[in-house]
Each structure stands twice: as structure tokens, then as C-alpha cells.
Amino acid sequence: MSLNKQLLEILACPQCHGKVRLDENLGGLICDQCKLLYEIKNDIPIMLVEEARKLT
């Protein structure tokens, strides 16, 4: 999985507008503040709150 570094710098969590970080092991972008995982499918981040997985 690869994500353009410039894209990663401008992406924000749609719920809290905070920074997200790439986690290749989980296959997506994580918002540490909201504890949400936004999956990346076919190299496209799915940045929808209702599609995000809750992290415990």
C-alpha cells in the first residue's frame, strides 16, 4: 500500500478535523483522537465516518 506523502499531509479526519496517520499493518489511516480507522481500498482512502472502523 502506498499513499502519496503530500496527500497524507493534507488529509484530515472528517469527524474532528485532526491529523491522521498511515498504519500499513491495519491497512488504513488512523485518527488517534477519535480512535477511528479509515480503510484504504485500491489505494483510495475511504474518508467517511460511517464507513470507519472503531479502534479499541
Protein backbone atom coordinates (compact mmCIF):
# COMPACT_ATOMS: atom_id res chain seq x y z
CA MET A 1 0.00 0.00 0.00
CA SER A 2 1.37 3.37 -0.93
CA LEU A 3 -0.05 6.78 -0.31
CA ASN A 4 1.38 10.00 -1.67
CA LYS A 5 3.14 11.87 1.16
CA GLN A 6 1.66 15.19 0.04
CA LEU A 7 -1.84 13.71 0.13
CA LEU A 8 -1.22 12.30 3.59
CA GLU A 9 -0.14 15.75 4.81
CA ILE A 10 -3.41 17.40 3.75
CA LEU A 11 -5.86 14.65 4.73
CA ALA A 12 -7.75 15.19 7.97
CA CYS A 13 -10.26 13.21 9.97
CA PRO A 14 -13.73 14.18 8.72
CA GLN A 15 -15.13 13.91 12.24
CA CYS A 16 -12.72 16.04 14.31
CA HIS A 17 -10.59 17.60 11.52
CA GLY A 18 -7.45 16.34 13.26
CA LYS A 19 -4.42 14.71 11.69
CA VAL A 20 -4.48 11.11 10.50
CA ARG A 21 -1.54 8.75 10.24
CA LEU A 22 -0.90 5.83 7.95
CA ASP A 23 -0.87 2.36 9.51
CA GLU A 24 0.14 -0.18 6.90
CA ASN A 25 -0.46 -3.13 9.26
CA LEU A 26 -4.13 -2.22 9.67
CA GLY A 27 -4.45 -1.07 6.06
CA GLY A 28 -5.65 2.44 6.59
CA LEU A 29 -5.46 5.86 8.14
CA ILE A 30 -5.88 6.26 11.87
CA CYS A 31 -7.23 9.23 13.78
CA ASP A 32 -5.80 8.85 17.28
CA GLN A 33 -8.16 11.46 18.71
CA CYS A 34 -11.37 9.76 17.50
CA LYS A 35 -9.94 6.21 17.63
CA LEU A 36 -11.14 5.55 14.07
CA LEU A 37 -9.56 3.61 11.21
CA TYR A 38 -10.32 4.79 7.69
CA GLU A 39 -9.55 1.87 5.39
CA ILE A 40 -7.65 2.26 2.14
CA LYS A 41 -9.16 0.27 -0.75
CA ASN A 42 -7.48 0.14 -4.14
CA ASP A 43 -5.09 2.90 -2.98
CA ILE A 44 -8.04 5.21 -2.19
CA PRO A 45 -8.67 6.27 1.41
CA ILE A 46 -12.35 5.90 2.36
CA MET A 47 -12.77 9.05 4.45
CA LEU A 48 -16.38 8.55 5.54
CA VAL A 49 -17.15 8.49 9.26
CA GLU A 50 -19.96 5.96 8.77
CA GLU A 51 -17.53 3.61 6.95
CA ALA A 52 -14.72 3.94 9.54
CA ARG A 53 -13.92 1.17 12.00
CA LYS A 54 -13.81 1.96 15.72
CA LEU A 55 -10.49 1.09 17.35
CA THR A 56 -10.35 -0.16 20.92
